[in-house]
Amino acid sequence: MDINTNISLQNLNSENLKKVDTSKLEDKAIRAVSNDFEAFFTQQLLDISLKETNIAGEGVGADIFKGMYTDAISRNSAGSFGISDMLYEFLSRENKKGSNNDK
């Protein structure tokens, strides 16, 4: 199997790179960071609120199971409480301000 590793760099210059629309990539990255933050925030709330409960039973594996449980709940509910939406809007607005100042 031959793989062509020759890359033409003729069209790769600073003028062509400036024409590339990275806004969609940046939006996806901002959305992912916002959702990750909401998942982290939710997990912290769940860890604190379930600290004194025996939801996972008692014993050696209870804390591990409880951690896995709160992680799964927080990851699956990310984006549903509105925290990530507010953060996304703020970061997008700030990102656009920064982009306009760079030009």
C-alpha atoms as a PDB file:
ATOM      1  CA  MET A   1       0.000   0.000   0.000  1.00  0.00           C
ATOM      2  CA  ASP A   2       1.500   3.303  -1.109  1.00  0.00           C
ATOM      3  CA  ILE A   3       0.667   6.445   0.767  1.00  0.00           C
ATOM      4  CA  ASN A   4       1.416   9.706  -0.942  1.00  0.00           C
ATOM      5  CA  THR A   5       3.160  11.910   1.590  1.00  0.00           C
ATOM      6  CA  ASN A   6       4.023  14.722  -0.804  1.00  0.00           C
ATOM      7  CA  ILE A   7       2.291  17.868   0.384  1.00  0.00           C
ATOM      8  CA  SER A   8       2.066  20.878  -1.844  1.00  0.00           C
ATOM      9  CA  LEU A   9       2.875  23.995   0.139  1.00  0.00           C
ATOM     10  CA  GLN A  10       2.534  26.359  -2.792  1.00  0.00           C
ATOM     11  CA  ASN A  11      -0.937  27.559  -1.769  1.00  0.00           C
ATOM     12  CA  LEU A  12      -0.119  27.645   1.920  1.00  0.00           C
ATOM     13  CA  ASN A  13       0.847  31.198   2.699  1.00  0.00           C
ATOM     14  CA  SER A  14      -0.278  33.822   5.160  1.00  0.00           C
ATOM     15  CA  GLU A  15      -2.797  35.414   2.771  1.00  0.00           C
ATOM     16  CA  ASN A  16      -4.572  32.110   2.151  1.00  0.00           C
ATOM     17  CA  LEU A  17      -4.545  31.288   5.864  1.00  0.00           C
ATOM     18  CA  LYS A  18      -6.215  34.611   6.670  1.00  0.00           C
ATOM     19  CA  LYS A  19      -9.087  33.655   4.336  1.00  0.00           C
ATOM     20  CA  VAL A  20      -9.849  30.451   6.259  1.00  0.00           C
ATOM     21  CA  ASP A  21     -13.070  30.733   8.256  1.00  0.00           C
ATOM     22  CA  THR A  22     -12.245  29.356  11.691  1.00  0.00           C
ATOM     23  CA  SER A  23     -15.380  30.676  13.379  1.00  0.00           C
ATOM     24  CA  LYS A  24     -17.182  27.341  13.143  1.00  0.00           C
ATOM     25  CA  LEU A  25     -14.194  25.522  14.633  1.00  0.00           C
ATOM     26  CA  GLU A  26     -13.950  28.099  17.395  1.00  0.00           C
ATOM     27  CA  ASP A  27     -17.692  27.820  18.063  1.00  0.00           C
ATOM     28  CA  LYS A  28     -17.420  24.040  18.426  1.00  0.00           C
ATOM     29  CA  ALA A  29     -14.463  24.400  20.765  1.00  0.00           C
ATOM     30  CA  ILE A  30     -16.260  27.026  22.861  1.00  0.00           C
ATOM     31  CA  ARG A  31     -19.363  24.821  23.034  1.00  0.00           C
ATOM     32  CA  ALA A  32     -17.269  21.823  24.132  1.00  0.00           C
ATOM     33  CA  VAL A  33     -15.495  23.837  26.835  1.00  0.00           C
ATOM     34  CA  SER A  34     -18.807  25.251  28.051  1.00  0.00           C
ATOM     35  CA  ASN A  35     -20.365  21.790  28.289  1.00  0.00           C
ATOM     36  CA  ASP A  36     -17.280  20.423  30.056  1.00  0.00           C
ATOM     37  CA  PHE A  37     -17.467  23.226  32.596  1.00  0.00           C
ATOM     38  CA  GLU A  38     -21.136  22.529  33.262  1.00  0.00           C
ATOM     39  CA  ALA A  39     -20.372  18.823  33.693  1.00  0.00           C
ATOM     40  CA  PHE A  40     -17.571  19.648  36.151  1.00  0.00           C
ATOM     41  CA  PHE A  41     -19.792  22.078  38.069  1.00  0.00           C
ATOM     42  CA  THR A  42     -22.634  19.545  38.242  1.00  0.00           C
ATOM     43  CA  GLN A  43     -20.285  16.812  39.436  1.00  0.00           C
ATOM     44  CA  GLN A  44     -18.986  19.053  42.212  1.00  0.00           C
ATOM     45  CA  LEU A  45     -22.548  19.774  43.346  1.00  0.00           C
ATOM     46  CA  LEU A  46     -23.429  16.085  43.288  1.00  0.00           C
ATOM     47  CA  ASP A  47     -20.260  15.090  45.153  1.00  0.00           C
ATOM     48  CA  ILE A  48     -21.015  17.583  47.921  1.00  0.00           C
ATOM     49  CA  SER A  49     -24.703  16.776  48.163  1.00  0.00           C
ATOM     50  CA  LEU A  50     -24.190  12.997  48.175  1.00  0.00           C
ATOM     51  CA  LYS A  51     -21.192  13.057  50.529  1.00  0.00           C
ATOM     52  CA  GLU A  52     -23.101  11.898  53.601  1.00  0.00           C
ATOM     53  CA  THR A  53     -25.485   9.486  51.845  1.00  0.00           C
ATOM     54  CA  ASN A  54     -25.213   5.744  51.444  1.00  0.00           C
ATOM     55  CA  ILE A  55     -26.518   5.748  47.880  1.00  0.00           C
ATOM     56  CA  ALA A  56     -23.716   3.385  46.862  1.00  0.00           C
ATOM     57  CA  GLY A  57     -23.826   1.333  50.011  1.00  0.00           C
ATOM     58  CA  GLU A  58     -21.011   1.122  52.506  1.00  0.00           C
ATOM     59  CA  GLY A  59     -17.578  -0.353  52.248  1.00  0.00           C
ATOM     60  CA  VAL A  60     -14.412  -0.076  50.269  1.00  0.00           C
ATOM     61  CA  GLY A  61     -15.908   0.369  46.803  1.00  0.00           C
ATOM     62  CA  ALA A  62     -18.721   2.721  47.811  1.00  0.00           C
ATOM     63  CA  ASP A  63     -16.711   5.907  47.257  1.00  0.00           C
ATOM     64  CA  ILE A  64     -15.448   4.669  43.899  1.00  0.00           C
ATOM     65  CA  PHE A  65     -18.946   3.716  42.792  1.00  0.00           C
ATOM     66  CA  LYS A  66     -20.336   7.046  44.008  1.00  0.00           C
ATOM     67  CA  GLY A  67     -17.650   8.901  42.043  1.00  0.00           C
ATOM     68  CA  MET A  68     -18.432   6.928  38.905  1.00  0.00           C
ATOM     69  CA  TYR A  69     -22.143   7.571  39.421  1.00  0.00           C
ATOM     70  CA  THR A  70     -21.760  11.338  39.822  1.00  0.00           C
ATOM     71  CA  ASP A  71     -19.394  11.467  36.837  1.00  0.00           C
ATOM     72  CA  ALA A  72     -21.879   9.645  34.607  1.00  0.00           C
ATOM     73  CA  ILE A  73     -24.804  11.802  35.735  1.00  0.00           C
ATOM     74  CA  SER A  74     -22.880  15.040  35.244  1.00  0.00           C
ATOM     75  CA  ARG A  75     -21.514  14.106  31.793  1.00  0.00           C
ATOM     76  CA  ASN A  76     -24.920  12.979  30.530  1.00  0.00           C
ATOM     77  CA  SER A  77     -26.689  16.081  31.826  1.00  0.00           C
ATOM     78  CA  ALA A  78     -24.100  18.576  30.529  1.00  0.00           C
ATOM     79  CA  GLY A  79     -25.788  21.303  28.547  1.00  0.00           C
ATOM     80  CA  SER A  80     -29.214  20.825  30.081  1.00  0.00           C
ATOM     81  CA  PHE A  81     -29.082  23.247  33.035  1.00  0.00           C
ATOM     82  CA  GLY A  82     -28.335  26.408  31.067  1.00  0.00           C
ATOM     83  CA  ILE A  83     -24.946  27.132  32.629  1.00  0.00           C
ATOM     84  CA  SER A  84     -23.135  26.056  29.490  1.00  0.00           C
ATOM     85  CA  ASP A  85     -25.437  28.185  27.319  1.00  0.00           C
ATOM     86  CA  MET A  86     -24.698  31.303  29.369  1.00  0.00           C
ATOM     87  CA  LEU A  87     -20.968  30.572  29.339  1.00  0.00           C
ATOM     88  CA  TYR A  88     -21.030  29.847  25.589  1.00  0.00           C
ATOM     89  CA  GLU A  89     -22.764  33.152  24.824  1.00  0.00           C
ATOM     90  CA  PHE A  90     -20.316  35.083  27.001  1.00  0.00           C
ATOM     91  CA  LEU A  91     -17.216  33.405  25.549  1.00  0.00           C
ATOM     92  CA  SER A  92     -18.482  33.775  21.983  1.00  0.00           C
ATOM     93  CA  ARG A  93     -19.138  37.462  22.511  1.00  0.00           C
ATOM     94  CA  GLU A  94     -15.687  37.976  24.062  1.00  0.00           C
ATOM     95  CA  ASN A  95     -14.051  35.945  21.291  1.00  0.00           C
ATOM     96  CA  LYS A  96     -15.681  38.116  18.631  1.00  0.00           C
ATOM     97  CA  LYS A  97     -14.568  41.286  20.446  1.00  0.00           C
ATOM     98  CA  GLY A  98     -11.030  39.945  20.518  1.00  0.00           C
ATOM     99  CA  SER A  99     -11.155  39.023  16.835  1.00  0.00           C
ATOM    100  CA  ASN A 100     -12.355  42.485  15.884  1.00  0.00           C
ATOM    101  CA  ASN A 101      -9.580  44.108  17.926  1.00  0.00           C
ATOM    102  CA  ASP A 102      -6.932  41.983  16.179  1.00  0.00           C
ATOM    103  CA  LYS A 103      -7.877  43.265  12.724  1.00  0.00           C
END
